[in-house]
Amino acid sequence: LKRIQLFDPVGIAARSLQECLCIQLNQFDKATPWLDQTKQILTDHIDLLASRDYRTLMMKTKLKESDLKYVMTLIHSLNPKPAASII
């Protein structure tokens, strides 16, 4: 399953949205700015992200609003439905 998940488009065989986005993040260069913080949010705080509770998200991750904007830009660059491109 892990090999299939890396086929193009990356994340195609993920079992959840969270797993799909994390698989895609794992393909980014390790030096990508805000990568670790983005992974932390998707792994530990996806419920806060889904409910758009940004204030609590900033408190729990100790991110400033400007930093969270960078993280959100990275999240928005991911494809939540990678299989849609092949249908």
N, C-alpha and C. Protein backbone atom coordinates (compact mmCIF):
# COMPACT_ATOMS: atom_id res chain seq x y z
N LEU A 1 0.83 -1.20 0.00
CA LEU A 1 0.00 0.00 0.00
C LEU A 1 0.87 1.26 0.00
N LYS A 2 1.94 1.23 0.78
CA LYS A 2 2.82 2.41 0.86
C LYS A 2 3.42 2.74 -0.51
N ARG A 3 3.75 1.73 -1.30
CA ARG A 3 4.31 1.98 -2.63
C ARG A 3 3.27 2.59 -3.55
N ILE A 4 2.06 2.08 -3.49
CA ILE A 4 0.98 2.60 -4.33
C ILE A 4 0.70 4.06 -3.98
N GLN A 5 0.76 4.39 -2.71
CA GLN A 5 0.49 5.76 -2.27
C GLN A 5 1.50 6.76 -2.83
N LEU A 6 2.65 6.27 -3.27
CA LEU A 6 3.67 7.16 -3.84
C LEU A 6 3.57 7.26 -5.35
N PHE A 7 2.68 6.46 -5.97
CA PHE A 7 2.45 6.58 -7.41
C PHE A 7 1.89 7.96 -7.71
N ASP A 8 2.00 8.34 -8.97
CA ASP A 8 1.48 9.64 -9.38
C ASP A 8 -0.01 9.51 -9.69
N PRO A 9 -0.82 10.33 -9.13
CA PRO A 9 -0.58 11.42 -8.20
C PRO A 9 -0.34 10.91 -6.78
N VAL A 10 0.61 11.52 -6.12
CA VAL A 10 1.00 11.10 -4.77
C VAL A 10 -0.17 11.22 -3.81
N GLY A 11 -0.36 10.16 -3.02
CA GLY A 11 -1.43 10.14 -2.03
C GLY A 11 -2.70 9.48 -2.52
N ILE A 12 -2.64 8.90 -3.71
CA ILE A 12 -3.84 8.36 -4.35
C ILE A 12 -4.52 7.24 -3.56
N ALA A 13 -3.78 6.42 -2.86
CA ALA A 13 -4.38 5.29 -2.14
C ALA A 13 -4.42 5.53 -0.63
N ALA A 14 -4.44 6.77 -0.23
CA ALA A 14 -4.49 7.09 1.20
C ALA A 14 -5.82 6.66 1.79
N ARG A 15 -5.81 6.31 3.06
CA ARG A 15 -7.02 5.85 3.73
C ARG A 15 -7.82 6.98 4.35
N SER A 16 -7.24 8.17 4.40
CA SER A 16 -7.94 9.32 4.97
C SER A 16 -7.36 10.60 4.37
N LEU A 17 -8.07 11.68 4.54
CA LEU A 17 -7.57 12.98 4.09
C LEU A 17 -6.26 13.31 4.79
N GLN A 18 -6.22 13.07 6.08
CA GLN A 18 -5.01 13.35 6.86
C GLN A 18 -3.82 12.58 6.30
N GLU A 19 -4.00 11.29 6.05
CA GLU A 19 -2.92 10.48 5.51
C GLU A 19 -2.51 10.96 4.12
N CYS A 20 -3.48 11.32 3.30
CA CYS A 20 -3.22 11.81 1.95
C CYS A 20 -2.33 13.05 1.98
N LEU A 21 -2.68 14.00 2.81
CA LEU A 21 -1.91 15.25 2.89
C LEU A 21 -0.52 15.01 3.47
N CYS A 22 -0.42 14.14 4.46
CA CYS A 22 0.89 13.83 5.06
C CYS A 22 1.80 13.12 4.06
N ILE A 23 1.25 12.22 3.26
CA ILE A 23 2.04 11.54 2.23
C ILE A 23 2.61 12.56 1.26
N GLN A 24 1.78 13.52 0.86
CA GLN A 24 2.25 14.55 -0.06
C GLN A 24 3.34 15.41 0.59
N LEU A 25 3.15 15.76 1.85
CA LEU A 25 4.17 16.56 2.55
C LEU A 25 5.50 15.83 2.64
N ASN A 26 5.44 14.52 2.80
CA ASN A 26 6.68 13.73 2.92
C ASN A 26 7.50 13.75 1.63
N GLN A 27 6.89 14.18 0.53
CA GLN A 27 7.61 14.27 -0.74
C GLN A 27 8.33 15.61 -0.91
N PHE A 28 8.04 16.57 -0.04
CA PHE A 28 8.68 17.88 -0.11
C PHE A 28 10.13 17.77 0.34
N ASP A 29 10.95 18.66 -0.16
CA ASP A 29 12.33 18.77 0.29
C ASP A 29 12.34 19.06 1.79
N LYS A 30 13.20 18.39 2.51
CA LYS A 30 13.27 18.56 3.97
C LYS A 30 13.57 20.01 4.38
N ALA A 31 14.16 20.78 3.48
CA ALA A 31 14.50 22.17 3.78
C ALA A 31 13.34 23.13 3.49
N THR A 32 12.19 22.61 3.10
CA THR A 32 11.03 23.46 2.81
C THR A 32 10.65 24.23 4.07
N PRO A 33 10.56 25.56 3.97
CA PRO A 33 10.16 26.35 5.14
C PRO A 33 8.79 25.92 5.66
N TRP A 34 8.67 25.84 6.95
CA TRP A 34 7.43 25.53 7.68
C TRP A 34 6.96 24.08 7.51
N LEU A 35 7.79 23.23 6.95
CA LEU A 35 7.40 21.83 6.72
C LEU A 35 7.11 21.11 8.03
N ASP A 36 7.97 21.22 9.01
CA ASP A 36 7.77 20.53 10.29
C ASP A 36 6.51 21.01 11.00
N GLN A 37 6.28 22.30 10.97
CA GLN A 37 5.09 22.85 11.63
C GLN A 37 3.82 22.39 10.91
N THR A 38 3.89 22.32 9.59
CA THR A 38 2.73 21.86 8.81
C THR A 38 2.43 20.40 9.12
N LYS A 39 3.47 19.58 9.18
CA LYS A 39 3.27 18.17 9.53
C LYS A 39 2.67 18.04 10.93
N GLN A 40 3.15 18.85 11.86
CA GLN A 40 2.62 18.80 13.23
C GLN A 40 1.13 19.13 13.25
N ILE A 41 0.75 20.15 12.52
CA ILE A 41 -0.66 20.55 12.49
C ILE A 41 -1.51 19.45 11.87
N LEU A 42 -1.06 18.87 10.77
CA LEU A 42 -1.84 17.82 10.12
C LEU A 42 -1.89 16.54 10.95
N THR A 43 -0.84 16.27 11.68
CA THR A 43 -0.78 15.06 12.49
C THR A 43 -1.51 15.20 13.82
N ASP A 44 -1.28 16.33 14.50
CA ASP A 44 -1.78 16.47 15.87
C ASP A 44 -3.00 17.37 16.03
N HIS A 45 -3.26 18.22 15.04
CA HIS A 45 -4.31 19.23 15.24
C HIS A 45 -5.24 19.37 14.04
N ILE A 46 -5.44 18.29 13.30
CA ILE A 46 -6.27 18.40 12.10
C ILE A 46 -7.71 18.78 12.45
N ASP A 47 -8.15 18.42 13.65
CA ASP A 47 -9.51 18.79 14.08
C ASP A 47 -9.64 20.31 14.21
N LEU A 48 -8.62 20.96 14.75
CA LEU A 48 -8.65 22.42 14.87
C LEU A 48 -8.57 23.08 13.50
N LEU A 49 -7.79 22.48 12.62
CA LEU A 49 -7.69 22.99 11.26
C LEU A 49 -9.03 22.87 10.55
N ALA A 50 -9.67 21.71 10.68
CA ALA A 50 -10.96 21.48 10.03
C ALA A 50 -12.04 22.43 10.54
N SER A 51 -11.99 22.74 11.82
CA SER A 51 -12.99 23.65 12.39
C SER A 51 -12.58 25.12 12.27
N ARG A 52 -11.42 25.34 11.66
CA ARG A 52 -10.89 26.69 11.45
C ARG A 52 -10.73 27.46 12.76
N ASP A 53 -10.34 26.72 13.79
CA ASP A 53 -10.09 27.32 15.10
C ASP A 53 -8.63 27.77 15.15
N TYR A 54 -8.34 28.82 14.42
CA TYR A 54 -6.96 29.27 14.25
C TYR A 54 -6.36 29.81 15.55
N ARG A 55 -7.16 30.43 16.36
CA ARG A 55 -6.65 30.98 17.63
C ARG A 55 -6.11 29.85 18.52
N THR A 56 -6.89 28.79 18.69
CA THR A 56 -6.43 27.65 19.50
C THR A 56 -5.25 26.96 18.83
N LEU A 57 -5.30 26.87 17.52
CA LEU A 57 -4.21 26.26 16.77
C LEU A 57 -2.90 27.02 17.00
N MET A 58 -2.97 28.34 16.99
CA MET A 58 -1.77 29.14 17.25
C MET A 58 -1.28 28.95 18.68
N MET A 59 -2.20 28.85 19.63
CA MET A 59 -1.79 28.64 21.02
C MET A 59 -1.11 27.28 21.20
N LYS A 60 -1.70 26.25 20.62
CA LYS A 60 -1.15 24.90 20.81
C LYS A 60 0.18 24.70 20.09
N THR A 61 0.35 25.36 18.96
CA THR A 61 1.59 25.19 18.18
C THR A 61 2.61 26.30 18.43
N LYS A 62 2.19 27.32 19.18
CA LYS A 62 3.05 28.47 19.48
C LYS A 62 3.48 29.21 18.21
N LEU A 63 2.60 29.21 17.21
CA LEU A 63 2.86 29.95 15.99
C LEU A 63 2.20 31.32 16.06
N LYS A 64 2.86 32.30 15.47
CA LYS A 64 2.26 33.63 15.34
C LYS A 64 1.31 33.58 14.14
N GLU A 65 0.43 34.57 14.07
CA GLU A 65 -0.52 34.61 12.95
C GLU A 65 0.20 34.64 11.61
N SER A 66 1.26 35.42 11.51
CA SER A 66 2.00 35.51 10.25
C SER A 66 2.64 34.16 9.89
N ASP A 67 3.10 33.42 10.90
CA ASP A 67 3.68 32.10 10.65
C ASP A 67 2.61 31.11 10.20
N LEU A 68 1.45 31.18 10.83
CA LEU A 68 0.36 30.29 10.46
C LEU A 68 -0.06 30.52 9.02
N LYS A 69 0.04 31.74 8.55
CA LYS A 69 -0.30 32.04 7.15
C LYS A 69 0.63 31.29 6.20
N TYR A 70 1.91 31.20 6.54
CA TYR A 70 2.85 30.43 5.72
C TYR A 70 2.49 28.95 5.73
N VAL A 71 2.15 28.44 6.90
CA VAL A 71 1.75 27.04 7.03
C VAL A 71 0.50 26.78 6.19
N MET A 72 -0.46 27.68 6.26
CA MET A 72 -1.70 27.51 5.50
C MET A 72 -1.44 27.55 3.99
N THR A 73 -0.50 28.36 3.57
CA THR A 73 -0.14 28.41 2.15
C THR A 73 0.41 27.05 1.72
N LEU A 74 1.22 26.45 2.56
CA LEU A 74 1.77 25.13 2.25
C LEU A 74 0.66 24.09 2.20
N ILE A 75 -0.25 24.13 3.15
CA ILE A 75 -1.38 23.19 3.16
C ILE A 75 -2.24 23.38 1.91
N HIS A 76 -2.48 24.61 1.52
CA HIS A 76 -3.30 24.88 0.33
C HIS A 76 -2.62 24.42 -0.96
N SER A 77 -1.32 24.20 -0.92
CA SER A 77 -0.62 23.71 -2.11
C SER A 77 -0.80 22.20 -2.30
N LEU A 78 -1.35 21.53 -1.29
CA LEU A 78 -1.56 20.08 -1.36
C LEU A 78 -2.88 19.78 -2.07
N ASN A 79 -2.99 18.55 -2.57
CA ASN A 79 -4.19 18.13 -3.29
C ASN A 79 -4.99 17.17 -2.42
N PRO A 80 -6.15 17.61 -1.90
CA PRO A 80 -6.93 16.74 -1.02
C PRO A 80 -7.61 15.58 -1.76
N LYS A 81 -7.71 15.67 -3.08
CA LYS A 81 -8.35 14.62 -3.88
C LYS A 81 -7.48 14.27 -5.08
N PRO A 82 -6.36 13.61 -4.84
CA PRO A 82 -5.44 13.34 -5.95
C PRO A 82 -6.02 12.44 -7.04
N ALA A 83 -6.96 11.58 -6.70
CA ALA A 83 -7.54 10.68 -7.70
C ALA A 83 -8.43 11.43 -8.68
N ALA A 84 -8.90 12.60 -8.33
CA ALA A 84 -9.79 13.37 -9.21
C ALA A 84 -9.11 13.72 -10.53
N SER A 85 -7.80 13.79 -10.53
CA SER A 85 -7.08 14.16 -11.75
C SER A 85 -7.01 13.02 -12.77
N ILE A 86 -7.36 11.81 -12.37
CA ILE A 86 -7.28 10.68 -13.31
C ILE A 86 -8.65 10.16 -13.73
N ILE A 87 -9.69 10.78 -13.22
CA ILE A 87 -11.04 10.33 -13.58
C ILE A 87 -11.52 11.08 -14.78
